[in-house]
PDB file of N, CA and C in Angstrom:
ATOM      1  N   MET A   1       0.840  -1.181   0.000  1.00  0.00           N
ATOM      2  CA  MET A   1       0.000   0.000   0.000  1.00  0.00           C
ATOM      3  C   MET A   1       0.887   1.247   0.000  1.00  0.00           C
ATOM      4  N   TYR A   2       0.411   2.283  -0.632  1.00  0.00           N
ATOM      5  CA  TYR A   2       1.212   3.494  -0.786  1.00  0.00           C
ATOM      6  C   TYR A   2       1.340   4.286   0.502  1.00  0.00           C
ATOM      7  N   LEU A   3       0.468   4.061   1.490  1.00  0.00           N
ATOM      8  CA  LEU A   3       0.458   4.841   2.722  1.00  0.00           C
ATOM      9  C   LEU A   3       0.595   3.894   3.906  1.00  0.00           C
ATOM     10  N   SER A   4       1.741   3.947   4.569  1.00  0.00           N
ATOM     11  CA  SER A   4       1.982   3.049   5.687  1.00  0.00           C
ATOM     12  C   SER A   4       1.292   3.564   6.943  1.00  0.00           C
ATOM     13  N   LYS A   5       1.242   2.708   7.944  1.00  0.00           N
ATOM     14  CA  LYS A   5       0.603   3.067   9.207  1.00  0.00           C
ATOM     15  C   LYS A   5       1.327   4.242   9.867  1.00  0.00           C
ATOM     16  N   GLU A   6       2.644   4.245   9.781  1.00  0.00           N
ATOM     17  CA  GLU A   6       3.427   5.316  10.384  1.00  0.00           C
ATOM     18  C   GLU A   6       3.167   6.658   9.700  1.00  0.00           C
ATOM     19  N   LYS A   7       3.013   6.623   8.376  1.00  0.00           N
ATOM     20  CA  LYS A   7       2.747   7.857   7.638  1.00  0.00           C
ATOM     21  C   LYS A   7       1.373   8.411   8.007  1.00  0.00           C
ATOM     22  N   LYS A   8       0.373   7.520   8.143  1.00  0.00           N
ATOM     23  CA  LYS A   8      -0.957   7.960   8.550  1.00  0.00           C
ATOM     24  C   LYS A   8      -0.921   8.575   9.942  1.00  0.00           C
ATOM     25  N   GLU A   9      -0.226   7.910  10.868  1.00  0.00           N
ATOM     26  CA  GLU A   9      -0.125   8.444  12.225  1.00  0.00           C
ATOM     27  C   GLU A   9       0.566   9.801  12.220  1.00  0.00           C
ATOM     28  N   ASP A  10       1.558   9.955  11.364  1.00  0.00           N
ATOM     29  CA  ASP A  10       2.255  11.234  11.257  1.00  0.00           C
ATOM     30  C   ASP A  10       1.313  12.320  10.727  1.00  0.00           C
ATOM     31  N   LEU A  11       0.489  11.984   9.729  1.00  0.00           N
ATOM     32  CA  LEU A  11      -0.488  12.940   9.220  1.00  0.00           C
ATOM     33  C   LEU A  11      -1.472  13.352  10.305  1.00  0.00           C
ATOM     34  N   PHE A  12      -1.975  12.367  11.060  1.00  0.00           N
ATOM     35  CA  PHE A  12      -2.950  12.658  12.108  1.00  0.00           C
ATOM     36  C   PHE A  12      -2.328  13.484  13.226  1.00  0.00           C
ATOM     37  N   GLU A  13      -1.068  13.209  13.527  1.00  0.00           N
ATOM     38  CA  GLU A  13      -0.404  13.938  14.608  1.00  0.00           C
ATOM     39  C   GLU A  13      -0.104  15.387  14.203  1.00  0.00           C
ATOM     40  N   ASN A  14       0.266  15.592  12.951  1.00  0.00           N
ATOM     41  CA  ASN A  14       0.620  16.938  12.500  1.00  0.00           C
ATOM     42  C   ASN A  14      -0.586  17.819  12.221  1.00  0.00           C
ATOM     43  N   HIS A  15      -1.661  17.233  11.701  1.00  0.00           N
ATOM     44  CA  HIS A  15      -2.793  18.043  11.261  1.00  0.00           C
ATOM     45  C   HIS A  15      -4.044  17.848  12.089  1.00  0.00           C
ATOM     46  N   GLY A  16      -4.053  16.877  12.983  1.00  0.00           N
ATOM     47  CA  GLY A  16      -5.247  16.628  13.783  1.00  0.00           C
ATOM     48  C   GLY A  16      -5.504  17.708  14.805  1.00  0.00           C
ATOM     49  N   ARG A  17      -6.713  17.735  15.294  1.00  0.00           N
ATOM     50  CA  ARG A  17      -7.090  18.764  16.256  1.00  0.00           C
ATOM     51  C   ARG A  17      -6.446  18.514  17.610  1.00  0.00           C
ATOM     52  N   LEU A  18      -6.356  17.248  18.025  1.00  0.00           N
ATOM     53  CA  LEU A  18      -5.808  16.905  19.330  1.00  0.00           C
ATOM     54  C   LEU A  18      -4.311  16.665  19.313  1.00  0.00           C
ATOM     55  N   LYS A  19      -3.701  16.676  18.124  1.00  0.00           N
ATOM     56  CA  LYS A  19      -2.260  16.443  17.954  1.00  0.00           C
ATOM     57  C   LYS A  19      -1.825  15.099  18.537  1.00  0.00           C
ATOM     58  N   SER A  20      -2.662  14.069  18.319  1.00  0.00           N
ATOM     59  CA  SER A  20      -2.304  12.725  18.749  1.00  0.00           C
ATOM     60  C   SER A  20      -2.400  11.780  17.552  1.00  0.00           C
ATOM     61  N   LYS A  21      -1.797  10.615  17.689  1.00  0.00           N
ATOM     62  CA  LYS A  21      -1.776   9.644  16.599  1.00  0.00           C
ATOM     63  C   LYS A  21      -3.136   9.003  16.367  1.00  0.00           C
ATOM     64  N   THR A  22      -4.011   9.057  17.372  1.00  0.00           N
ATOM     65  CA  THR A  22      -5.304   8.390  17.260  1.00  0.00           C
ATOM     66  C   THR A  22      -6.438   9.344  16.929  1.00  0.00           C
ATOM     67  N   ASP A  23      -6.135  10.582  16.589  1.00  0.00           N
ATOM     68  CA  ASP A  23      -7.162  11.568  16.247  1.00  0.00           C
ATOM     69  C   ASP A  23      -7.554  11.395  14.788  1.00  0.00           C
ATOM     70  N   THR A  24      -8.357  10.385  14.503  1.00  0.00           N
ATOM     71  CA  THR A  24      -8.730  10.101  13.122  1.00  0.00           C
ATOM     72  C   THR A  24     -10.066  10.693  12.738  1.00  0.00           C
ATOM     73  N   GLY A  25     -10.823  11.204  13.683  1.00  0.00           N
ATOM     74  CA  GLY A  25     -12.172  11.656  13.396  1.00  0.00           C
ATOM     75  C   GLY A  25     -12.324  13.141  13.193  1.00  0.00           C
ATOM     76  N   SER A  26     -11.348  13.922  13.551  1.00  0.00           N
ATOM     77  CA  SER A  26     -11.498  15.369  13.405  1.00  0.00           C
ATOM     78  C   SER A  26     -11.472  15.741  11.921  1.00  0.00           C
ATOM     79  N   PRO A  27     -12.198  16.781  11.552  1.00  0.00           N
ATOM     80  CA  PRO A  27     -12.211  17.179  10.138  1.00  0.00           C
ATOM     81  C   PRO A  27     -10.828  17.536   9.609  1.00  0.00           C
ATOM     82  N   GLU A  28      -9.990  18.121  10.462  1.00  0.00           N
ATOM     83  CA  GLU A  28      -8.653  18.509  10.014  1.00  0.00           C
ATOM     84  C   GLU A  28      -7.826  17.297   9.590  1.00  0.00           C
ATOM     85  N   SER A  29      -7.886  16.234  10.397  1.00  0.00           N
ATOM     86  CA  SER A  29      -7.103  15.043  10.069  1.00  0.00           C
ATOM     87  C   SER A  29      -7.669  14.340   8.846  1.00  0.00           C
ATOM     88  N   GLN A  30      -8.983  14.322   8.689  1.00  0.00           N
ATOM     89  CA  GLN A  30      -9.574  13.699   7.510  1.00  0.00           C
ATOM     90  C   GLN A  30      -9.248  14.494   6.247  1.00  0.00           C
ATOM     91  N   ILE A  31      -9.263  15.810   6.343  1.00  0.00           N
ATOM     92  CA  ILE A  31      -8.911  16.645   5.197  1.00  0.00           C
ATOM     93  C   ILE A  31      -7.450  16.418   4.809  1.00  0.00           C
ATOM     94  N   ALA A  32      -6.574  16.275   5.797  1.00  0.00           N
ATOM     95  CA  ALA A  32      -5.159  16.026   5.506  1.00  0.00           C
ATOM     96  C   ALA A  32      -4.980  14.670   4.824  1.00  0.00           C
ATOM     97  N   LEU A  33      -5.709  13.668   5.286  1.00  0.00           N
ATOM     98  CA  LEU A  33      -5.616  12.337   4.672  1.00  0.00           C
ATOM     99  C   LEU A  33      -6.152  12.363   3.249  1.00  0.00           C
ATOM    100  N   PHE A  34      -7.297  13.020   3.044  1.00  0.00           N
ATOM    101  CA  PHE A  34      -7.855  13.133   1.693  1.00  0.00           C
ATOM    102  C   PHE A  34      -6.902  13.884   0.771  1.00  0.00           C
ATOM    103  N   SER A  35      -6.265  14.929   1.273  1.00  0.00           N
ATOM    104  CA  SER A  35      -5.342  15.701   0.448  1.00  0.00           C
ATOM    105  C   SER A  35      -4.144  14.866   0.031  1.00  0.00           C
ATOM    106  N   HIS A  36      -3.646  14.043   0.938  1.00  0.00           N
ATOM    107  CA  HIS A  36      -2.526  13.162   0.600  1.00  0.00           C
ATOM    108  C   HIS A  36      -2.944  12.162  -0.464  1.00  0.00           C
ATOM    109  N   ARG A  37      -4.130  11.580  -0.322  1.00  0.00           N
ATOM    110  CA  ARG A  37      -4.620  10.616  -1.308  1.00  0.00           C
ATOM    111  C   ARG A  37      -4.862  11.293  -2.654  1.00  0.00           C
ATOM    112  N   ILE A  38      -5.393  12.520  -2.638  1.00  0.00           N
ATOM    113  CA  ILE A  38      -5.649  13.249  -3.880  1.00  0.00           C
ATOM    114  C   ILE A  38      -4.333  13.529  -4.602  1.00  0.00           C
ATOM    115  N   ASN A  39      -3.316  13.942  -3.877  1.00  0.00           N
ATOM    116  CA  ASN A  39      -2.013  14.192  -4.497  1.00  0.00           C
ATOM    117  C   ASN A  39      -1.427  12.921  -5.091  1.00  0.00           C
ATOM    118  N   HIS A  40      -1.599  11.798  -4.394  1.00  0.00           N
ATOM    119  CA  HIS A  40      -1.093  10.523  -4.898  1.00  0.00           C
ATOM    120  C   HIS A  40      -1.814  10.133  -6.190  1.00  0.00           C
ATOM    121  N   LEU A  41      -3.138  10.237  -6.192  1.00  0.00           N
ATOM    122  CA  LEU A  41      -3.905   9.857  -7.379  1.00  0.00           C
ATOM    123  C   LEU A  41      -3.657  10.809  -8.543  1.00  0.00           C
ATOM    124  N   THR A  42      -3.406  12.062  -8.267  1.00  0.00           N
ATOM    125  CA  THR A  42      -3.097  13.020  -9.328  1.00  0.00           C
ATOM    126  C   THR A  42      -1.794  12.638 -10.028  1.00  0.00           C
ATOM    127  N   GLY A  43      -0.810  12.245  -9.243  1.00  0.00           N
ATOM    128  CA  GLY A  43       0.445  11.783  -9.835  1.00  0.00           C
ATOM    129  C   GLY A  43       0.261  10.533 -10.669  1.00  0.00           C
ATOM    130  N   HIS A  44      -0.593   9.626 -10.199  1.00  0.00           N
ATOM    131  CA  HIS A  44      -0.873   8.404 -10.946  1.00  0.00           C
ATOM    132  C   HIS A  44      -1.555   8.732 -12.277  1.00  0.00           C
ATOM    133  N   LEU A  45      -2.486   9.671 -12.252  1.00  0.00           N
ATOM    134  CA  LEU A  45      -3.218   9.996 -13.474  1.00  0.00           C
ATOM    135  C   LEU A  45      -2.367  10.771 -14.480  1.00  0.00           C
ATOM    136  N   LYS A  46      -1.290  11.382 -14.034  1.00  0.00           N
ATOM    137  CA  LYS A  46      -0.408  12.061 -14.982  1.00  0.00           C
ATOM    138  C   LYS A  46       0.291  11.059 -15.886  1.00  0.00           C
ATOM    139  N   THR A  47       0.572   9.867 -15.349  1.00  0.00           N
ATOM    140  CA  THR A  47       1.232   8.848 -16.158  1.00  0.00           C
ATOM    141  C   THR A  47       0.236   7.907 -16.833  1.00  0.00           C
ATOM    142  N   ASN A  48      -0.931   7.714 -16.248  1.00  0.00           N
ATOM    143  CA  ASN A  48      -1.945   6.810 -16.792  1.00  0.00           C
ATOM    144  C   ASN A  48      -3.188   7.623 -17.148  1.00  0.00           C
ATOM    145  N   LYS A  49      -3.154   8.240 -18.299  1.00  0.00           N
ATOM    146  CA  LYS A  49      -4.193   9.196 -18.667  1.00  0.00           C
ATOM    147  C   LYS A  49      -5.551   8.547 -18.930  1.00  0.00           C
ATOM    148  N   LYS A  50      -5.590   7.276 -19.277  1.00  0.00           N
ATOM    149  CA  LYS A  50      -6.861   6.635 -19.620  1.00  0.00           C
ATOM    150  C   LYS A  50      -7.441   5.799 -18.480  1.00  0.00           C
ATOM    151  N   ASP A  51      -6.956   5.980 -17.293  1.00  0.00           N
ATOM    152  CA  ASP A  51      -7.455   5.240 -16.136  1.00  0.00           C
ATOM    153  C   ASP A  51      -8.692   5.958 -15.596  1.00  0.00           C
ATOM    154  N   TYR A  52      -9.838   5.653 -16.176  1.00  0.00           N
ATOM    155  CA  TYR A  52     -11.061   6.394 -15.867  1.00  0.00           C
ATOM    156  C   TYR A  52     -11.645   6.022 -14.513  1.00  0.00           C
ATOM    157  N   SER A  53     -11.417   4.804 -14.056  1.00  0.00           N
ATOM    158  CA  SER A  53     -11.938   4.427 -12.737  1.00  0.00           C
ATOM    159  C   SER A  53     -11.195   5.170 -11.621  1.00  0.00           C
ATOM    160  N   THR A  54      -9.905   5.379 -11.806  1.00  0.00           N
ATOM    161  CA  THR A  54      -9.148   6.168 -10.836  1.00  0.00           C
ATOM    162  C   THR A  54      -9.581   7.628 -10.885  1.00  0.00           C
ATOM    163  N   ARG A  55      -9.885   8.118 -12.067  1.00  0.00           N
ATOM    164  CA  ARG A  55     -10.362   9.493 -12.215  1.00  0.00           C
ATOM    165  C   ARG A  55     -11.678   9.695 -11.462  1.00  0.00           C
ATOM    166  N   LEU A  56     -12.567   8.697 -11.550  1.00  0.00           N
ATOM    167  CA  LEU A  56     -13.838   8.774 -10.827  1.00  0.00           C
ATOM    168  C   LEU A  56     -13.604   8.774  -9.324  1.00  0.00           C
ATOM    169  N   GLY A  57     -12.698   7.919  -8.855  1.00  0.00           N
ATOM    170  CA  GLY A  57     -12.367   7.894  -7.428  1.00  0.00           C
ATOM    171  C   GLY A  57     -11.756   9.209  -6.966  1.00  0.00           C
ATOM    172  N   LEU A  58     -10.931   9.802  -7.808  1.00  0.00           N
ATOM    173  CA  LEU A  58     -10.327  11.093  -7.480  1.00  0.00           C
ATOM    174  C   LEU A  58     -11.391  12.178  -7.349  1.00  0.00           C
ATOM    175  N   LEU A  59     -12.340  12.200  -8.263  1.00  0.00           N
ATOM    176  CA  LEU A  59     -13.403  13.200  -8.194  1.00  0.00           C
ATOM    177  C   LEU A  59     -14.264  13.028  -6.950  1.00  0.00           C
ATOM    178  N   LYS A  60     -14.503  11.788  -6.555  1.00  0.00           N
ATOM    179  CA  LYS A  60     -15.263  11.543  -5.329  1.00  0.00           C
ATOM    180  C   LYS A  60     -14.497  12.032  -4.104  1.00  0.00           C
ATOM    181  N   LEU A  61     -13.181  11.796  -4.078  1.00  0.00           N
ATOM    182  CA  LEU A  61     -12.360  12.274  -2.961  1.00  0.00           C
ATOM    183  C   LEU A  61     -12.336  13.796  -2.888  1.00  0.00           C
ATOM    184  N   VAL A  62     -12.259  14.438  -4.032  1.00  0.00           N
ATOM    185  CA  VAL A  62     -12.258  15.904  -4.053  1.00  0.00           C
ATOM    186  C   VAL A  62     -13.586  16.428  -3.516  1.00  0.00           C
ATOM    187  N   GLY A  63     -14.684  15.770  -3.867  1.00  0.00           N
ATOM    188  CA  GLY A  63     -15.995  16.168  -3.354  1.00  0.00           C
ATOM    189  C   GLY A  63     -16.109  15.981  -1.855  1.00  0.00           C
ATOM    190  N   LYS A  64     -15.583  14.864  -1.356  1.00  0.00           N
ATOM    191  CA  LYS A  64     -15.611  14.622   0.097  1.00  0.00           C
ATOM    192  C   LYS A  64     -14.802  15.671   0.835  1.00  0.00           C
ATOM    193  N   ARG A  65     -13.625  15.991   0.295  1.00  0.00           N
ATOM    194  CA  ARG A  65     -12.788  17.002   0.943  1.00  0.00           C
ATOM    195  C   ARG A  65     -13.465  18.368   0.897  1.00  0.00           C
ATOM    196  N   ARG A  66     -14.123  18.685  -0.203  1.00  0.00           N
ATOM    197  CA  ARG A  66     -14.823  19.960  -0.321  1.00  0.00           C
ATOM    198  C   ARG A  66     -15.958  20.074   0.706  1.00  0.00           C
ATOM    199  N   ARG A  67     -16.709  18.981   0.888  1.00  0.00           N
ATOM    200  CA  ARG A  67     -17.795  18.986   1.870  1.00  0.00           C
ATOM    201  C   ARG A  67     -17.261  19.137   3.282  1.00  0.00           C
ATOM    202  N   LEU A  68     -16.149  18.471   3.592  1.00  0.00           N
ATOM    203  CA  LEU A  68     -15.551  18.624   4.919  1.00  0.00           C
ATOM    204  C   LEU A  68     -15.042  20.046   5.134  1.00  0.00           C
ATOM    205  N   LEU A  69     -14.459  20.639   4.105  1.00  0.00           N
ATOM    206  CA  LEU A  69     -13.989  22.019   4.221  1.00  0.00           C
ATOM    207  C   LEU A  69     -15.158  22.981   4.408  1.00  0.00           C
ATOM    208  N   ASP A  70     -16.259  22.740   3.695  1.00  0.00           N
ATOM    209  CA  ASP A  70     -17.442  23.583   3.874  1.00  0.00           C
ATOM    210  C   ASP A  70     -17.993  23.456   5.288  1.00  0.00           C
ATOM    211  N   TYR A  71     -18.036  22.231   5.797  1.00  0.00           N
ATOM    212  CA  TYR A  71     -18.512  21.996   7.162  1.00  0.00           C
ATOM    213  C   TYR A  71     -17.627  22.730   8.166  1.00  0.00           C
ATOM    214  N   LEU A  72     -16.329  22.608   7.997  1.00  0.00           N
ATOM    215  CA  LEU A  72     -15.400  23.248   8.921  1.00  0.00           C
ATOM    216  C   LEU A  72     -15.504  24.774   8.845  1.00  0.00           C
ATOM    217  N   GLY A  73     -15.760  25.299   7.654  1.00  0.00           N
ATOM    218  CA  GLY A  73     -15.939  26.733   7.508  1.00  0.00           C
ATOM    219  C   GLY A  73     -17.184  27.238   8.214  1.00  0.00           C
ATOM    220  N   LYS A  74     -18.234  26.421   8.248  1.00  0.00           N
ATOM    221  CA  LYS A  74     -19.461  26.816   8.948  1.00  0.00           C
ATOM    222  C   LYS A  74     -19.301  26.743  10.458  1.00  0.00           C
ATOM    223  N   ILE A  75     -18.584  25.720  10.928  1.00  0.00           N
ATOM    224  CA  ILE A  75     -18.449  25.481  12.363  1.00  0.00           C
ATOM    225  C   ILE A  75     -17.454  26.448  13.003  1.00  0.00           C
ATOM    226  N   ASP A  76     -16.246  26.519  12.445  1.00  0.00           N
ATOM    227  CA  ASP A  76     -15.198  27.353  13.035  1.00  0.00           C
ATOM    228  C   ASP A  76     -14.296  27.877  11.919  1.00  0.00           C
ATOM    229  N   ILE A  77     -14.434  29.149  11.613  1.00  0.00           N
ATOM    230  CA  ILE A  77     -13.720  29.740  10.479  1.00  0.00           C
ATOM    231  C   ILE A  77     -12.217  29.783  10.718  1.00  0.00           C
ATOM    232  N   GLU A  78     -11.775  29.916  11.954  1.00  0.00           N
ATOM    233  CA  GLU A  78     -10.337  29.964  12.239  1.00  0.00           C
ATOM    234  C   GLU A  78      -9.680  28.613  11.973  1.00  0.00           C
ATOM    235  N   ARG A  79     -10.332  27.534  12.369  1.00  0.00           N
ATOM    236  CA  ARG A  79      -9.799  26.195  12.076  1.00  0.00           C
ATOM    237  C   ARG A  79      -9.749  25.969  10.568  1.00  0.00           C
ATOM    238  N   TYR A  80     -10.772  26.454   9.864  1.00  0.00           N
ATOM    239  CA  TYR A  80     -10.814  26.341   8.403  1.00  0.00           C
ATOM    240  C   TYR A  80      -9.626  27.067   7.774  1.00  0.00           C
ATOM    241  N   ARG A  81      -9.388  28.291   8.212  1.00  0.00           N
ATOM    242  CA  ARG A  81      -8.287  29.067   7.654  1.00  0.00           C
ATOM    243  C   ARG A  81      -6.936  28.446   7.968  1.00  0.00           C
ATOM    244  N   SER A  82      -6.790  27.874   9.169  1.00  0.00           N
ATOM    245  CA  SER A  82      -5.510  27.266   9.524  1.00  0.00           C
ATOM    246  C   SER A  82      -5.232  26.015   8.699  1.00  0.00           C
ATOM    247  N   ILE A  83      -6.248  25.190   8.454  1.00  0.00           N
ATOM    248  CA  ILE A  83      -6.010  23.968   7.665  1.00  0.00           C
ATOM    249  C   ILE A  83      -5.747  24.323   6.201  1.00  0.00           C
ATOM    250  N   ILE A  84      -6.375  25.380   5.708  1.00  0.00           N
ATOM    251  CA  ILE A  84      -6.129  25.826   4.333  1.00  0.00           C
ATOM    252  C   ILE A  84      -4.672  26.252   4.168  1.00  0.00           C
ATOM    253  N   THR A  85      -4.150  26.998   5.145  1.00  0.00           N
ATOM    254  CA  THR A  85      -2.761  27.457   5.032  1.00  0.00           C
ATOM    255  C   THR A  85      -1.771  26.330   5.275  1.00  0.00           C
ATOM    256  N   GLU A  86      -2.101  25.386   6.181  1.00  0.00           N
ATOM    257  CA  GLU A  86      -1.183  24.268   6.439  1.00  0.00           C
ATOM    258  C   GLU A  86      -1.020  23.386   5.218  1.00  0.00           C
ATOM    259  N   LEU A  87      -2.111  23.116   4.514  1.00  0.00           N
ATOM    260  CA  LEU A  87      -2.065  22.187   3.389  1.00  0.00           C
ATOM    261  C   LEU A  87      -1.912  22.879   2.038  1.00  0.00           C
ATOM    262  N   ASN A  88      -1.798  24.211   2.053  1.00  0.00           N
ATOM    263  CA  ASN A  88      -1.652  24.998   0.821  1.00  0.00           C
ATOM    264  C   ASN A  88      -2.817  24.765  -0.137  1.00  0.00           C
ATOM    265  N   LEU A  89      -4.029  24.773   0.407  1.00  0.00           N
ATOM    266  CA  LEU A  89      -5.233  24.654  -0.407  1.00  0.00           C
ATOM    267  C   LEU A  89      -5.804  26.050  -0.618  1.00  0.00           C
ATOM    268  N   ARG A  90      -6.558  26.198  -1.647  1.00  0.00           N
ATOM    269  CA  ARG A  90      -7.238  27.463  -1.846  1.00  0.00           C
ATOM    270  C   ARG A  90      -8.627  27.181  -2.389  1.00  0.00           C
ATOM    271  N   LYS A  91      -9.514  28.088  -2.129  1.00  0.00           N
ATOM    272  CA  LYS A  91     -10.895  27.892  -2.544  1.00  0.00           C
ATOM    273  C   LYS A  91     -11.127  28.436  -3.919  1.00  0.00           C
TER     274      LYS A  91
END
């Protein structure tokens, strides 16, 4: 698998709300995980242009991340702004 357990724990620890390895449910940690997966799939699609099933999965992930970002923006705008700057995302 492209993402090891240690890498996931590192993502959760760096971007999670509680800054622990087991913080998998916070929107910040889920957005960070989705962003990592989106970057991985984007690289895959650059070399495999006709992989339409991966393209569909990528679009679904982008939609999930967008919904989580919208939710976070409604709940707490400061957390939204901090995760946007940490992951270099823009709206």
